[in-house]
Protein backbone atom coordinates (compact mmCIF):
# COMPACT_ATOMS: atom_id res chain seq x y z
CA MET A 1 16.27 61.43 22.15
CA ALA A 2 12.50 61.09 22.28
CA ILE A 3 9.71 62.00 24.67
CA LEU A 4 7.92 59.06 26.29
CA ILE A 5 4.12 59.51 26.47
CA VAL A 6 2.22 57.21 28.84
CA GLU A 7 -1.47 57.84 28.13
CA ASP A 8 -4.36 55.41 27.68
CA ASP A 9 -6.64 57.97 26.02
CA ILE A 10 -5.74 57.50 22.36
CA GLU A 11 -7.26 60.83 21.26
CA ILE A 12 -5.20 62.78 23.82
CA ALA A 13 -2.09 60.76 22.98
CA ASN A 14 -2.44 61.35 19.22
CA SER A 15 -2.94 65.07 19.82
CA LEU A 16 0.20 65.19 21.94
CA ILE A 17 2.24 63.23 19.43
CA GLU A 18 1.19 65.48 16.55
CA GLY A 19 1.73 68.70 18.49
CA LEU A 20 5.19 67.61 19.60
CA ARG A 21 6.02 66.41 16.06
CA GLN A 22 5.18 69.85 14.69
CA ASN A 23 7.65 71.25 17.19
CA ASN A 24 10.42 68.85 16.21
CA PHE A 25 10.04 66.37 19.08
CA GLU A 26 10.01 62.62 18.48
CA SER A 27 7.55 60.71 20.67
CA VAL A 28 7.17 57.12 21.85
CA HIS A 29 3.66 56.23 23.06
CA VAL A 30 2.46 53.45 25.36
CA THR A 31 -0.90 53.04 27.08
CA LYS A 32 0.05 51.22 30.28
CA GLY A 33 2.13 52.20 33.31
CA HIS A 34 4.16 48.98 33.32
CA GLU A 35 5.04 49.49 29.64
CA GLY A 36 6.18 53.01 30.47
CA TYR A 37 8.32 51.72 33.32
CA LEU A 38 9.99 49.06 31.15
CA LEU A 39 10.75 51.55 28.38
CA ALA A 40 12.20 54.06 30.86
CA MET A 41 14.46 51.27 32.10
CA GLN A 42 15.55 50.27 28.62
CA ARG A 43 16.34 53.61 26.99
CA GLN A 44 17.03 57.26 27.79
CA PHE A 45 14.31 59.84 27.13
CA GLN A 46 14.39 63.64 27.16
CA LEU A 47 11.14 63.70 29.11
CA ILE A 48 8.29 61.48 30.28
CA ILE A 49 4.70 62.78 29.98
CA SER A 50 2.34 60.58 31.96
CA ASP A 51 -1.31 60.38 32.85
CA LEU A 52 -2.17 59.12 36.36
CA MET A 53 -5.26 57.00 35.64
CA LEU A 54 -3.79 54.05 33.73
CA PRO A 55 -5.23 50.59 33.14
CA ASP A 56 -2.64 48.55 35.08
CA ILE A 57 -0.34 50.29 37.58
CA ASP A 58 -1.25 53.97 37.95
CA GLY A 59 0.99 56.80 36.94
CA LEU A 60 2.15 57.61 40.48
CA GLU A 61 3.26 54.03 41.05
CA MET A 62 5.06 54.01 37.69
CA ILE A 63 6.90 57.24 38.57
CA SER A 64 7.82 55.82 42.00
CA MET A 65 9.21 52.67 40.39
CA ILE A 66 11.27 54.74 37.95
CA ARG A 67 12.69 56.91 40.72
CA ARG A 68 13.60 53.85 42.80
CA GLN A 69 15.82 52.83 39.89
CA SER A 70 17.66 56.20 40.14
CA ILE A 71 16.31 57.29 36.73
CA ASP A 72 16.23 61.10 36.81
CA THR A 73 14.40 61.78 33.51
CA PRO A 74 12.08 64.76 34.02
CA VAL A 75 8.41 63.76 34.42
CA LEU A 76 5.45 65.95 33.48
CA ILE A 77 2.19 64.66 34.95
CA LEU A 78 -1.04 65.22 33.00
CA SER A 79 -4.16 64.48 35.02
CA ALA A 80 -7.80 65.42 35.51
CA LYS A 81 -7.10 65.37 39.27
CA ARG A 82 -6.85 69.01 40.22
CA SER A 83 -6.84 69.31 44.02
CA LEU A 84 -3.81 70.76 45.81
CA ASP A 85 -3.24 67.53 47.74
CA GLU A 86 -3.22 65.50 44.52
CA ARG A 87 -0.75 67.87 42.87
CA VAL A 88 1.58 67.82 45.89
CA LEU A 89 1.39 64.00 45.95
CA GLY A 90 2.50 64.01 42.34
CA PHE A 91 5.62 65.96 43.30
CA GLN A 92 6.25 63.76 46.33
CA LYS A 93 6.22 60.64 44.15
CA GLY A 94 8.87 62.12 41.87
CA GLY A 95 7.04 64.24 39.31
CA ASP A 96 8.75 67.43 38.18
CA ASP A 97 5.72 69.30 36.91
CA TYR A 98 1.94 68.87 36.95
CA MET A 99 -0.71 69.99 34.47
CA VAL A 100 -4.44 69.59 34.90
CA LYS A 101 -6.60 68.39 31.99
CA PRO A 102 -7.92 70.00 29.89
CA TYR A 103 -4.84 72.06 29.07
CA ALA A 104 -3.66 74.47 26.39
CA PHE A 105 -1.01 72.85 24.19
CA ILE A 106 0.97 76.11 24.01
CA GLU A 107 1.40 76.00 27.80
CA LEU A 108 2.30 72.34 27.73
CA LEU A 109 4.92 73.04 25.09
CA ALA A 110 6.40 75.82 27.24
CA ARG A 111 6.64 73.45 30.18
CA VAL A 112 8.16 70.69 28.05
CA ASN A 113 10.87 73.06 26.82
CA SER A 114 11.46 74.36 30.34
CA LEU A 115 11.86 70.86 31.84
CA ILE A 116 14.21 69.74 29.08
CA ARG A 117 16.26 72.95 29.25
CA ARG A 118 16.57 72.81 33.02
CA SER A 119 17.61 69.16 33.02
CA VAL A 120 20.71 69.98 30.92
CA PRO A 121 23.51 71.77 32.78
CA THR A 122 24.52 74.97 31.00
CA ALA A 123 27.00 76.40 33.51
CA THR A 124 30.53 76.90 32.24
CA LYS A 125 31.93 75.73 35.57
CA THR A 126 31.92 71.96 35.71
CA ASN A 127 32.41 71.37 39.43
CA ILE A 128 30.89 73.28 42.34
CA SER A 129 31.08 72.48 46.04
CA PHE A 130 30.07 73.42 49.56
CA GLN A 131 31.97 71.95 52.52
CA GLU A 132 31.79 68.15 52.06
CA ILE A 133 29.37 68.31 49.11
CA ARG A 134 30.68 68.19 45.53
CA MET A 135 28.65 68.43 42.34
CA ASN A 136 29.67 67.76 38.76
CA LEU A 137 27.29 69.68 36.51
CA ILE A 138 28.18 67.68 33.41
CA SER A 139 28.10 64.11 34.71
CA ARG A 140 25.36 65.11 37.20
CA GLU A 141 27.15 63.29 40.01
CA VAL A 142 26.86 64.44 43.62
CA PHE A 143 29.08 63.33 46.52
CA ARG A 144 29.28 64.02 50.22
CA LYS A 145 32.34 62.61 52.03
CA ASN A 146 33.01 60.59 48.89
CA ILE A 147 29.60 58.92 49.21
CA LYS A 148 27.62 59.17 46.01
CA ILE A 149 24.14 60.65 46.34
CA ASP A 150 21.49 60.00 43.70
CA LEU A 151 19.27 63.04 43.05
CA GLN A 152 16.26 63.50 40.83
CA VAL A 153 16.27 66.38 38.33
CA LYS A 154 14.55 68.92 40.56
CA GLU A 155 16.58 67.89 43.59
CA PHE A 156 19.80 68.33 41.59
CA LEU A 157 18.70 71.76 40.35
CA LEU A 158 17.76 72.82 43.87
CA LEU A 159 21.12 71.75 45.32
CA GLU A 160 22.90 73.58 42.49
CA LEU A 161 20.86 76.69 43.29
CA PHE A 162 21.75 76.46 46.99
CA ILE A 163 25.46 75.88 46.38
CA LYS A 164 25.64 78.79 43.93
CA ASN A 165 23.90 80.95 46.57
CA GLN A 166 25.50 79.45 49.68
CA ASN A 167 25.05 81.46 52.87
CA ILE A 168 22.23 83.41 51.17
CA ILE A 169 18.65 82.92 52.36
CA LEU A 170 16.38 81.99 49.44
CA THR A 171 12.65 82.61 49.74
CA LYS A 172 10.03 80.19 48.44
CA PRO A 173 9.02 82.49 45.55
CA GLN A 174 12.67 82.76 44.51
CA ILE A 175 13.05 78.96 44.51
CA LEU A 176 9.79 78.50 42.57
CA GLU A 177 10.93 80.95 39.93
CA LYS A 178 14.43 79.46 39.58
CA ILE A 179 13.46 75.77 39.65
CA TRP A 180 10.09 75.77 37.90
CA GLY A 181 10.42 78.96 35.87
CA TYR A 182 6.95 80.30 36.71
CA SER A 183 4.80 81.08 39.73
CA PHE A 184 2.73 78.60 41.71
CA ASP A 185 -0.19 79.16 44.05
CA PRO A 186 1.51 80.73 47.10
CA LYS A 187 -0.40 78.33 49.34
CA THR A 188 1.25 75.25 47.85
CA ASN A 189 3.95 73.46 49.80
CA VAL A 190 5.76 72.11 46.76
CA VAL A 191 8.97 73.91 47.78
CA ASP A 192 8.81 72.43 51.28
CA VAL A 193 8.36 68.97 49.80
CA LEU A 194 11.34 69.37 47.46
CA VAL A 195 13.57 70.79 50.26
CA TYR A 196 12.51 67.90 52.51
CA ARG A 197 13.47 65.35 49.85
CA LEU A 198 16.85 67.02 49.25
CA ARG A 199 17.63 67.36 52.97
CA ASN A 200 16.93 63.67 53.48
CA LYS A 201 19.53 62.81 50.88
CA ILE A 202 22.33 65.27 51.65
CA ASP A 203 22.01 65.72 55.44
CA LYS A 204 20.05 62.91 57.09
CA ASP A 205 22.83 60.28 57.29
CA PHE A 206 25.60 62.70 58.20
CA ASP A 207 26.70 64.25 61.51
CA ARG A 208 26.19 67.87 60.40
CA SER A 209 23.22 69.50 58.71
CA TYR A 210 23.87 72.14 56.04
CA LEU A 211 20.39 72.86 54.70
CA GLN A 212 18.72 75.20 57.20
CA THR A 213 15.10 76.37 57.50
CA ILE A 214 14.64 80.03 58.38
CA LYS A 215 11.09 80.17 59.72
CA GLY A 216 8.85 82.57 57.91
CA VAL A 217 11.58 83.49 55.43
CA GLY A 218 12.95 80.56 53.44
CA TYR A 219 15.97 78.25 53.29
CA VAL A 220 19.73 78.60 53.27
CA LEU A 221 22.74 76.32 52.73
CA ARG A 222 25.36 77.23 55.35
CA LEU A 223 27.66 75.73 57.93
CA GLU A 224 26.28 77.20 61.12
CA LYS A 225 22.66 77.21 62.23
CA ASN A 226 21.00 80.49 62.96
CA THR A 227 18.51 81.10 65.75
CA LEU A 228 16.10 83.06 63.51
């Protein structure tokens, strides 16, 4: 499979394509958001690397459109927008990682490898579960009460982490390290955003909530709420 690059700056795109080629990655390049959306609909990619400032629909809208189609291909956002609010918005719209331009290619390559590696289940156990929730780590299917739940890559990884650590409180730094593989600014609320998205999918429409917030500590997947 190839990496889809959505970038209207030809110089940046060519640099990406060549750097990825030297590291044994095939790339497909388009310059417009709508073209990226159509290609993501038509074929499967290992990863999507997208700019935000695109000539037709912007990158955030393209990512939102892709996610609405239940496409869970990891998305790495490349953008000159560097504020915390803009980065968090990128995650809220369905991005899995965010790099600010200009960037060092060696770091981008590390993030590319991390996203691809983390999107492929490596656990020897195929099925894991907690109460009414069942996950298949190979087919990447999730069910609660036999209702199928569509999760994006990071949401799937977070649920897997919680189920494998059920009844154990996980702190935000622990989640950042396990899901993203490196540290973020401690002031960012990217973990809160991801937990919120996951909770909306696995708890919101059911009569019992499993994903609990422990104020000032972190989060835990368990049956009974705690008064902490």
